[in-house]
Amino acid sequence: MKTIVTVMVFSIILFIIMKMIDMKFIQKEMKPIKEVVRESVMVGLAVGIASIAVATMDKPVSEFMDTIMEKQVLTGQAQVFTDNPGF
């Protein structure tokens, strides 16, 4: 749990830095700090929820993505008929 909070804090700090660079050099228009803080908290919560979801999954992430993408993994051998049909 401690690492998830650390990831959240670092992602919030990184988002604030990137947002300030974006406002200063790209948009050339500063937004109120209240909006920046609100967006940063939303990003932090999203990162935290996603981290908790990934950490509590029983299956590896690759199996989870296969389920979402509806990939079917077939195990075993296919049945092949080599005799004459019985009808």
PDB file of N, CA and C in Angstrom:
ATOM      1  N   MET A   1       0.827  -1.196   0.000  1.00  0.00           N
ATOM      2  CA  MET A   1       0.000   0.000   0.000  1.00  0.00           C
ATOM      3  C   MET A   1       0.870   1.257   0.000  1.00  0.00           C
ATOM      4  N   LYS A   2       2.020   1.137   0.649  1.00  0.00           N
ATOM      5  CA  LYS A   2       2.928   2.275   0.720  1.00  0.00           C
ATOM      6  C   LYS A   2       3.454   2.646  -0.663  1.00  0.00           C
ATOM      7  N   THR A   3       3.725   1.635  -1.482  1.00  0.00           N
ATOM      8  CA  THR A   3       4.237   1.911  -2.822  1.00  0.00           C
ATOM      9  C   THR A   3       3.173   2.542  -3.707  1.00  0.00           C
ATOM     10  N   ILE A   4       1.914   2.167  -3.500  1.00  0.00           N
ATOM     11  CA  ILE A   4       0.832   2.752  -4.298  1.00  0.00           C
ATOM     12  C   ILE A   4       0.693   4.237  -3.986  1.00  0.00           C
ATOM     13  N   VAL A   5       0.787   4.584  -2.717  1.00  0.00           N
ATOM     14  CA  VAL A   5       0.713   5.997  -2.334  1.00  0.00           C
ATOM     15  C   VAL A   5       1.907   6.755  -2.903  1.00  0.00           C
ATOM     16  N   THR A   6       3.073   6.135  -2.901  1.00  0.00           N
ATOM     17  CA  THR A   6       4.261   6.767  -3.470  1.00  0.00           C
ATOM     18  C   THR A   6       4.085   7.005  -4.967  1.00  0.00           C
ATOM     19  N   VAL A   7       3.550   6.020  -5.668  1.00  0.00           N
ATOM     20  CA  VAL A   7       3.301   6.173  -7.100  1.00  0.00           C
ATOM     21  C   VAL A   7       2.289   7.300  -7.337  1.00  0.00           C
ATOM     22  N   MET A   8       1.253   7.375  -6.498  1.00  0.00           N
ATOM     23  CA  MET A   8       0.256   8.439  -6.633  1.00  0.00           C
ATOM     24  C   MET A   8       0.888   9.814  -6.448  1.00  0.00           C
ATOM     25  N   VAL A   9       1.709   9.955  -5.428  1.00  0.00           N
ATOM     26  CA  VAL A   9       2.337  11.249  -5.146  1.00  0.00           C
ATOM     27  C   VAL A   9       3.263  11.654  -6.286  1.00  0.00           C
ATOM     28  N   PHE A  10       4.088  10.713  -6.760  1.00  0.00           N
ATOM     29  CA  PHE A  10       4.984  11.036  -7.869  1.00  0.00           C
ATOM     30  C   PHE A  10       4.224  11.372  -9.143  1.00  0.00           C
ATOM     31  N   SER A  11       3.117  10.674  -9.385  1.00  0.00           N
ATOM     32  CA  SER A  11       2.339  10.980 -10.586  1.00  0.00           C
ATOM     33  C   SER A  11       1.681  12.352 -10.477  1.00  0.00           C
ATOM     34  N   ILE A  12       1.239  12.736  -9.283  1.00  0.00           N
ATOM     35  CA  ILE A  12       0.663  14.069  -9.088  1.00  0.00           C
ATOM     36  C   ILE A  12       1.716  15.145  -9.316  1.00  0.00           C
ATOM     37  N   ILE A  13       2.897  14.945  -8.742  1.00  0.00           N
ATOM     38  CA  ILE A  13       3.971  15.928  -8.896  1.00  0.00           C
ATOM     39  C   ILE A  13       4.393  16.043 -10.357  1.00  0.00           C
ATOM     40  N   LEU A  14       4.548  14.904 -11.025  1.00  0.00           N
ATOM     41  CA  LEU A  14       4.923  14.913 -12.439  1.00  0.00           C
ATOM     42  C   LEU A  14       3.849  15.588 -13.285  1.00  0.00           C
ATOM     43  N   PHE A  15       2.568  15.333 -12.983  1.00  0.00           N
ATOM     44  CA  PHE A  15       1.484  15.966 -13.729  1.00  0.00           C
ATOM     45  C   PHE A  15       1.503  17.474 -13.541  1.00  0.00           C
ATOM     46  N   ILE A  16       1.719  17.935 -12.314  1.00  0.00           N
ATOM     47  CA  ILE A  16       1.764  19.382 -12.056  1.00  0.00           C
ATOM     48  C   ILE A  16       2.903  20.028 -12.835  1.00  0.00           C
ATOM     49  N   ILE A  17       4.072  19.395 -12.831  1.00  0.00           N
ATOM     50  CA  ILE A  17       5.214  19.944 -13.572  1.00  0.00           C
ATOM     51  C   ILE A  17       4.909  20.003 -15.062  1.00  0.00           C
ATOM     52  N   MET A  18       4.356  18.912 -15.597  1.00  0.00           N
ATOM     53  CA  MET A  18       4.036  18.895 -17.026  1.00  0.00           C
ATOM     54  C   MET A  18       2.944  19.904 -17.366  1.00  0.00           C
ATOM     55  N   LYS A  19       1.988  20.066 -16.488  1.00  0.00           N
ATOM     56  CA  LYS A  19       0.904  21.024 -16.725  1.00  0.00           C
ATOM     57  C   LYS A  19       1.441  22.454 -16.718  1.00  0.00           C
ATOM     58  N   MET A  20       2.343  22.757 -15.794  1.00  0.00           N
ATOM     59  CA  MET A  20       2.925  24.097 -15.739  1.00  0.00           C
ATOM     60  C   MET A  20       3.747  24.385 -17.004  1.00  0.00           C
ATOM     61  N   ILE A  21       4.517  23.413 -17.460  1.00  0.00           N
ATOM     62  CA  ILE A  21       5.289  23.588 -18.695  1.00  0.00           C
ATOM     63  C   ILE A  21       4.344  23.804 -19.873  1.00  0.00           C
ATOM     64  N   ASP A  22       3.269  23.032 -19.912  1.00  0.00           N
ATOM     65  CA  ASP A  22       2.288  23.166 -20.996  1.00  0.00           C
ATOM     66  C   ASP A  22       1.645  24.551 -20.983  1.00  0.00           C
ATOM     67  N   MET A  23       1.256  25.023 -19.808  1.00  0.00           N
ATOM     68  CA  MET A  23       0.599  26.333 -19.728  1.00  0.00           C
ATOM     69  C   MET A  23       1.565  27.465 -20.053  1.00  0.00           C
ATOM     70  N   LYS A  24       2.810  27.320 -19.633  1.00  0.00           N
ATOM     71  CA  LYS A  24       3.760  28.418 -19.814  1.00  0.00           C
ATOM     72  C   LYS A  24       4.298  28.518 -21.241  1.00  0.00           C
ATOM     73  N   PHE A  25       4.658  27.381 -21.840  1.00  0.00           N
ATOM     74  CA  PHE A  25       5.337  27.431 -23.126  1.00  0.00           C
ATOM     75  C   PHE A  25       4.453  27.081 -24.326  1.00  0.00           C
ATOM     76  N   ILE A  26       3.469  26.231 -24.154  1.00  0.00           N
ATOM     77  CA  ILE A  26       2.667  25.795 -25.285  1.00  0.00           C
ATOM     78  C   ILE A  26       1.400  26.639 -25.421  1.00  0.00           C
ATOM     79  N   GLN A  27       0.604  26.675 -24.345  1.00  0.00           N
ATOM     80  CA  GLN A  27      -0.647  27.434 -24.410  1.00  0.00           C
ATOM     81  C   GLN A  27      -0.442  28.924 -24.188  1.00  0.00           C
ATOM     82  N   LYS A  28       0.614  29.272 -23.477  1.00  0.00           N
ATOM     83  CA  LYS A  28       0.945  30.665 -23.136  1.00  0.00           C
ATOM     84  C   LYS A  28      -0.206  31.378 -22.435  1.00  0.00           C
ATOM     85  N   GLU A  29      -0.918  30.598 -21.628  1.00  0.00           N
ATOM     86  CA  GLU A  29      -2.028  31.141 -20.841  1.00  0.00           C
ATOM     87  C   GLU A  29      -2.089  30.354 -19.531  1.00  0.00           C
ATOM     88  N   MET A  30      -1.933  31.059 -18.434  1.00  0.00           N
ATOM     89  CA  MET A  30      -1.931  30.410 -17.134  1.00  0.00           C
ATOM     90  C   MET A  30      -3.366  30.228 -16.631  1.00  0.00           C
ATOM     91  N   LYS A  31      -3.658  29.044 -16.138  1.00  0.00           N
ATOM     92  CA  LYS A  31      -4.967  28.750 -15.554  1.00  0.00           C
ATOM     93  C   LYS A  31      -4.887  28.978 -14.051  1.00  0.00           C
ATOM     94  N   PRO A  32      -6.038  29.145 -13.411  1.00  0.00           N
ATOM     95  CA  PRO A  32      -6.017  29.281 -11.944  1.00  0.00           C
ATOM     96  C   PRO A  32      -5.470  28.016 -11.287  1.00  0.00           C
ATOM     97  N   ILE A  33      -4.782  28.202 -10.180  1.00  0.00           N
ATOM     98  CA  ILE A  33      -4.151  27.088  -9.482  1.00  0.00           C
ATOM     99  C   ILE A  33      -5.195  26.095  -8.984  1.00  0.00           C
ATOM    100  N   LYS A  34      -6.412  26.564  -8.730  1.00  0.00           N
ATOM    101  CA  LYS A  34      -7.488  25.694  -8.275  1.00  0.00           C
ATOM    102  C   LYS A  34      -7.794  24.612  -9.319  1.00  0.00           C
ATOM    103  N   GLU A  35      -7.805  24.984 -10.594  1.00  0.00           N
ATOM    104  CA  GLU A  35      -8.059  24.016 -11.659  1.00  0.00           C
ATOM    105  C   GLU A  35      -6.910  23.019 -11.780  1.00  0.00           C
ATOM    106  N   VAL A  36      -5.699  23.497 -11.656  1.00  0.00           N
ATOM    107  CA  VAL A  36      -4.532  22.618 -11.765  1.00  0.00           C
ATOM    108  C   VAL A  36      -4.523  21.605 -10.623  1.00  0.00           C
ATOM    109  N   VAL A  37      -4.844  22.055  -9.421  1.00  0.00           N
ATOM    110  CA  VAL A  37      -4.878  21.150  -8.268  1.00  0.00           C
ATOM    111  C   VAL A  37      -5.995  20.123  -8.440  1.00  0.00           C
ATOM    112  N   ARG A  38      -7.161  20.552  -8.912  1.00  0.00           N
ATOM    113  CA  ARG A  38      -8.286  19.629  -9.109  1.00  0.00           C
ATOM    114  C   ARG A  38      -7.930  18.562 -10.143  1.00  0.00           C
ATOM    115  N   GLU A  39      -7.327  18.966 -11.262  1.00  0.00           N
ATOM    116  CA  GLU A  39      -6.909  18.002 -12.274  1.00  0.00           C
ATOM    117  C   GLU A  39      -5.836  17.063 -11.742  1.00  0.00           C
ATOM    118  N   SER A  40      -4.931  17.590 -10.936  1.00  0.00           N
ATOM    119  CA  SER A  40      -3.862  16.760 -10.369  1.00  0.00           C
ATOM    120  C   SER A  40      -4.420  15.710  -9.416  1.00  0.00           C
ATOM    121  N   VAL A  41      -5.392  16.096  -8.610  1.00  0.00           N
ATOM    122  CA  VAL A  41      -6.007  15.145  -7.686  1.00  0.00           C
ATOM    123  C   VAL A  41      -6.750  14.059  -8.470  1.00  0.00           C
ATOM    124  N   MET A  42      -7.425  14.436  -9.549  1.00  0.00           N
ATOM    125  CA  MET A  42      -8.124  13.445 -10.364  1.00  0.00           C
ATOM    126  C   MET A  42      -7.134  12.469 -10.999  1.00  0.00           C
ATOM    127  N   VAL A  43      -6.009  12.969 -11.463  1.00  0.00           N
ATOM    128  CA  VAL A  43      -4.982  12.098 -12.032  1.00  0.00           C
ATOM    129  C   VAL A  43      -4.425  11.169 -10.951  1.00  0.00           C
ATOM    130  N   GLY A  44      -4.165  11.696  -9.786  1.00  0.00           N
ATOM    131  CA  GLY A  44      -3.649  10.883  -8.684  1.00  0.00           C
ATOM    132  C   GLY A  44      -4.615   9.781  -8.277  1.00  0.00           C
ATOM    133  N   LEU A  45      -5.902  10.114  -8.193  1.00  0.00           N
ATOM    134  CA  LEU A  45      -6.900   9.105  -7.845  1.00  0.00           C
ATOM    135  C   LEU A  45      -7.009   8.034  -8.924  1.00  0.00           C
ATOM    136  N   ALA A  46      -6.950   8.440 -10.171  1.00  0.00           N
ATOM    137  CA  ALA A  46      -7.010   7.465 -11.268  1.00  0.00           C
ATOM    138  C   ALA A  46      -5.818   6.518 -11.216  1.00  0.00           C
ATOM    139  N   VAL A  47      -4.641   7.059 -10.977  1.00  0.00           N
ATOM    140  CA  VAL A  47      -3.437   6.223 -10.877  1.00  0.00           C
ATOM    141  C   VAL A  47      -3.540   5.286  -9.679  1.00  0.00           C
ATOM    142  N   GLY A  48      -4.037   5.785  -8.556  1.00  0.00           N
ATOM    143  CA  GLY A  48      -4.188   4.957  -7.363  1.00  0.00           C
ATOM    144  C   GLY A  48      -5.175   3.828  -7.556  1.00  0.00           C
ATOM    145  N   ILE A  49      -6.328   4.131  -8.147  1.00  0.00           N
ATOM    146  CA  ILE A  49      -7.337   3.097  -8.379  1.00  0.00           C
ATOM    147  C   ILE A  49      -6.825   2.049  -9.359  1.00  0.00           C
ATOM    148  N   ALA A  50      -6.164   2.505 -10.408  1.00  0.00           N
ATOM    149  CA  ALA A  50      -5.601   1.558 -11.376  1.00  0.00           C
ATOM    150  C   ALA A  50      -4.517   0.695 -10.740  1.00  0.00           C
ATOM    151  N   SER A  51      -3.681   1.281  -9.897  1.00  0.00           N
ATOM    152  CA  SER A  51      -2.621   0.513  -9.230  1.00  0.00           C
ATOM    153  C   SER A  51      -3.199  -0.527  -8.287  1.00  0.00           C
ATOM    154  N   ILE A  52      -4.223  -0.153  -7.543  1.00  0.00           N
ATOM    155  CA  ILE A  52      -4.866  -1.097  -6.631  1.00  0.00           C
ATOM    156  C   ILE A  52      -5.534  -2.220  -7.417  1.00  0.00           C
ATOM    157  N   ALA A  53      -6.183  -1.878  -8.528  1.00  0.00           N
ATOM    158  CA  ALA A  53      -6.847  -2.899  -9.337  1.00  0.00           C
ATOM    159  C   ALA A  53      -5.841  -3.896  -9.891  1.00  0.00           C
ATOM    160  N   VAL A  54      -4.724  -3.407 -10.380  1.00  0.00           N
ATOM    161  CA  VAL A  54      -3.698  -4.302 -10.935  1.00  0.00           C
ATOM    162  C   VAL A  54      -3.052  -5.128  -9.828  1.00  0.00           C
ATOM    163  N   ALA A  55      -2.839  -4.540  -8.665  1.00  0.00           N
ATOM    164  CA  ALA A  55      -2.180  -5.251  -7.567  1.00  0.00           C
ATOM    165  C   ALA A  55      -3.062  -6.344  -6.980  1.00  0.00           C
ATOM    166  N   THR A  56      -4.374  -6.180  -7.038  1.00  0.00           N
ATOM    167  CA  THR A  56      -5.259  -7.161  -6.408  1.00  0.00           C
ATOM    168  C   THR A  56      -5.770  -8.225  -7.365  1.00  0.00           C
ATOM    169  N   MET A  57      -5.393  -8.141  -8.626  1.00  0.00           N
ATOM    170  CA  MET A  57      -5.834  -9.166  -9.566  1.00  0.00           C
ATOM    171  C   MET A  57      -5.127 -10.479  -9.280  1.00  0.00           C
ATOM    172  N   ASP A  58      -5.879 -11.572  -9.395  1.00  0.00           N
ATOM    173  CA  ASP A  58      -5.283 -12.898  -9.194  1.00  0.00           C
ATOM    174  C   ASP A  58      -4.498 -13.355 -10.407  1.00  0.00           C
ATOM    175  N   LYS A  59      -4.966 -12.982 -11.577  1.00  0.00           N
ATOM    176  CA  LYS A  59      -4.318 -13.403 -12.809  1.00  0.00           C
ATOM    177  C   LYS A  59      -3.271 -12.377 -13.213  1.00  0.00           C
ATOM    178  N   PRO A  60      -2.286 -12.798 -13.984  1.00  0.00           N
ATOM    179  CA  PRO A  60      -1.357 -11.811 -14.540  1.00  0.00           C
ATOM    180  C   PRO A  60      -2.077 -10.867 -15.502  1.00  0.00           C
ATOM    181  N   VAL A  61      -1.502  -9.728 -15.734  1.00  0.00           N
ATOM    182  CA  VAL A  61      -2.117  -8.713 -16.580  1.00  0.00           C
ATOM    183  C   VAL A  61      -2.301  -9.228 -18.002  1.00  0.00           C
ATOM    184  N   SER A  62      -1.383 -10.041 -18.493  1.00  0.00           N
ATOM    185  CA  SER A  62      -1.507 -10.547 -19.865  1.00  0.00           C
ATOM    186  C   SER A  62      -2.742 -11.424 -20.018  1.00  0.00           C
ATOM    187  N   GLU A  63      -3.041 -12.257 -19.021  1.00  0.00           N
ATOM    188  CA  GLU A  63      -4.251 -13.070 -19.084  1.00  0.00           C
ATOM    189  C   GLU A  63      -5.494 -12.191 -18.992  1.00  0.00           C
ATOM    190  N   PHE A  64      -5.423 -11.146 -18.192  1.00  0.00           N
ATOM    191  CA  PHE A  64      -6.543 -10.218 -18.069  1.00  0.00           C
ATOM    192  C   PHE A  64      -6.810  -9.524 -19.401  1.00  0.00           C
ATOM    193  N   MET A  65      -5.751  -9.094 -20.087  1.00  0.00           N
ATOM    194  CA  MET A  65      -5.919  -8.428 -21.378  1.00  0.00           C
ATOM    195  C   MET A  65      -6.443  -9.408 -22.430  1.00  0.00           C
ATOM    196  N   ASP A  66      -6.024 -10.681 -22.351  1.00  0.00           N
ATOM    197  CA  ASP A  66      -6.557 -11.675 -23.275  1.00  0.00           C
ATOM    198  C   ASP A  66      -8.054 -11.851 -23.082  1.00  0.00           C
ATOM    199  N   THR A  67      -8.508 -11.804 -21.849  1.00  0.00           N
ATOM    200  CA  THR A  67      -9.934 -11.921 -21.570  1.00  0.00           C
ATOM    201  C   THR A  67     -10.691 -10.728 -22.124  1.00  0.00           C
ATOM    202  N   ILE A  68     -10.140  -9.544 -21.972  1.00  0.00           N
ATOM    203  CA  ILE A  68     -10.801  -8.338 -22.480  1.00  0.00           C
ATOM    204  C   ILE A  68     -10.850  -8.372 -24.005  1.00  0.00           C
ATOM    205  N   MET A  69      -9.769  -8.781 -24.635  1.00  0.00           N
ATOM    206  CA  MET A  69      -9.700  -8.790 -26.090  1.00  0.00           C
ATOM    207  C   MET A  69     -10.366 -10.022 -26.697  1.00  0.00           C
ATOM    208  N   GLU A  70     -10.907 -10.879 -25.842  1.00  0.00           N
ATOM    209  CA  GLU A  70     -11.604 -12.104 -26.248  1.00  0.00           C
ATOM    210  C   GLU A  70     -10.717 -13.041 -27.059  1.00  0.00           C
ATOM    211  N   LYS A  71      -9.467 -13.112 -26.687  1.00  0.00           N
ATOM    212  CA  LYS A  71      -8.569 -14.079 -27.314  1.00  0.00           C
ATOM    213  C   LYS A  71      -8.809 -15.423 -26.643  1.00  0.00           C
ATOM    214  N   GLN A  72      -8.966 -16.429 -27.428  1.00  0.00           N
ATOM    215  CA  GLN A  72      -9.185 -17.756 -26.876  1.00  0.00           C
ATOM    216  C   GLN A  72      -7.912 -18.566 -27.037  1.00  0.00           C
ATOM    217  N   VAL A  73      -7.472 -19.099 -25.945  1.00  0.00           N
ATOM    218  CA  VAL A  73      -6.279 -19.930 -25.969  1.00  0.00           C
ATOM    219  C   VAL A  73      -6.741 -21.371 -25.901  1.00  0.00           C
ATOM    220  N   LEU A  74      -6.449 -22.127 -26.929  1.00  0.00           N
ATOM    221  CA  LEU A  74      -6.850 -23.522 -26.973  1.00  0.00           C
ATOM    222  C   LEU A  74      -5.699 -24.377 -26.494  1.00  0.00           C
ATOM    223  N   THR A  75      -6.011 -25.263 -25.602  1.00  0.00           N
ATOM    224  CA  THR A  75      -5.000 -26.189 -25.112  1.00  0.00           C
ATOM    225  C   THR A  75      -5.402 -27.594 -25.535  1.00  0.00           C
ATOM    226  N   GLY A  76      -4.469 -28.450 -25.644  1.00  0.00           N
ATOM    227  CA  GLY A  76      -4.751 -29.821 -26.058  1.00  0.00           C
ATOM    228  C   GLY A  76      -4.615 -29.962 -27.566  1.00  0.00           C
ATOM    229  N   GLN A  77      -4.968 -31.150 -28.050  1.00  0.00           N
ATOM    230  CA  GLN A  77      -4.843 -31.406 -29.470  1.00  0.00           C
ATOM    231  C   GLN A  77      -6.222 -31.496 -30.102  1.00  0.00           C
ATOM    232  N   ALA A  78      -6.280 -31.123 -31.343  1.00  0.00           N
ATOM    233  CA  ALA A  78      -7.532 -31.195 -32.073  1.00  0.00           C
ATOM    234  C   ALA A  78      -7.840 -32.645 -32.420  1.00  0.00           C
ATOM    235  N   GLN A  79      -9.135 -33.004 -32.406  1.00  0.00           N
ATOM    236  CA  GLN A  79      -9.535 -34.354 -32.776  1.00  0.00           C
ATOM    237  C   GLN A  79      -9.610 -34.445 -34.291  1.00  0.00           C
ATOM    238  N   VAL A  80      -8.896 -35.403 -34.826  1.00  0.00           N
ATOM    239  CA  VAL A  80      -8.853 -35.590 -36.277  1.00  0.00           C
ATOM    240  C   VAL A  80      -9.363 -36.992 -36.566  1.00  0.00           C
ATOM    241  N   PHE A  81     -10.323 -37.103 -37.465  1.00  0.00           N
ATOM    242  CA  PHE A  81     -10.865 -38.395 -37.852  1.00  0.00           C
ATOM    243  C   PHE A  81     -10.119 -38.886 -39.103  1.00  0.00           C
ATOM    244  N   THR A  82      -9.521 -40.047 -38.998  1.00  0.00           N
ATOM    245  CA  THR A  82      -8.772 -40.594 -40.128  1.00  0.00           C
ATOM    246  C   THR A  82      -9.421 -41.847 -40.716  1.00  0.00           C
ATOM    247  N   ASP A  83     -10.449 -42.387 -40.079  1.00  0.00           N
ATOM    248  CA  ASP A  83     -11.132 -43.596 -40.552  1.00  0.00           C
ATOM    249  C   ASP A  83     -12.244 -43.222 -41.524  1.00  0.00           C
ATOM    250  N   ASN A  84     -12.858 -44.238 -42.046  1.00  0.00           N
ATOM    251  CA  ASN A  84     -14.057 -44.044 -42.859  1.00  0.00           C
ATOM    252  C   ASN A  84     -15.194 -43.632 -41.918  1.00  0.00           C
ATOM    253  N   PRO A  85     -16.081 -42.796 -42.406  1.00  0.00           N
ATOM    254  CA  PRO A  85     -17.191 -42.403 -41.549  1.00  0.00           C
ATOM    255  C   PRO A  85     -18.086 -43.592 -41.207  1.00  0.00           C
ATOM    256  N   GLY A  86     -18.682 -43.541 -40.017  1.00  0.00           N
ATOM    257  CA  GLY A  86     -19.500 -44.653 -39.551  1.00  0.00           C
ATOM    258  C   GLY A  86     -20.934 -44.609 -40.043  1.00  0.00           C
ATOM    259  N   PHE A  87     -21.277 -43.756 -40.957  1.00  0.00           N
ATOM    260  CA  PHE A  87     -22.656 -43.689 -41.455  1.00  0.00           C
ATOM    261  C   PHE A  87     -22.774 -44.189 -42.852  1.00  0.00           C
TER     262      PHE A  87
END
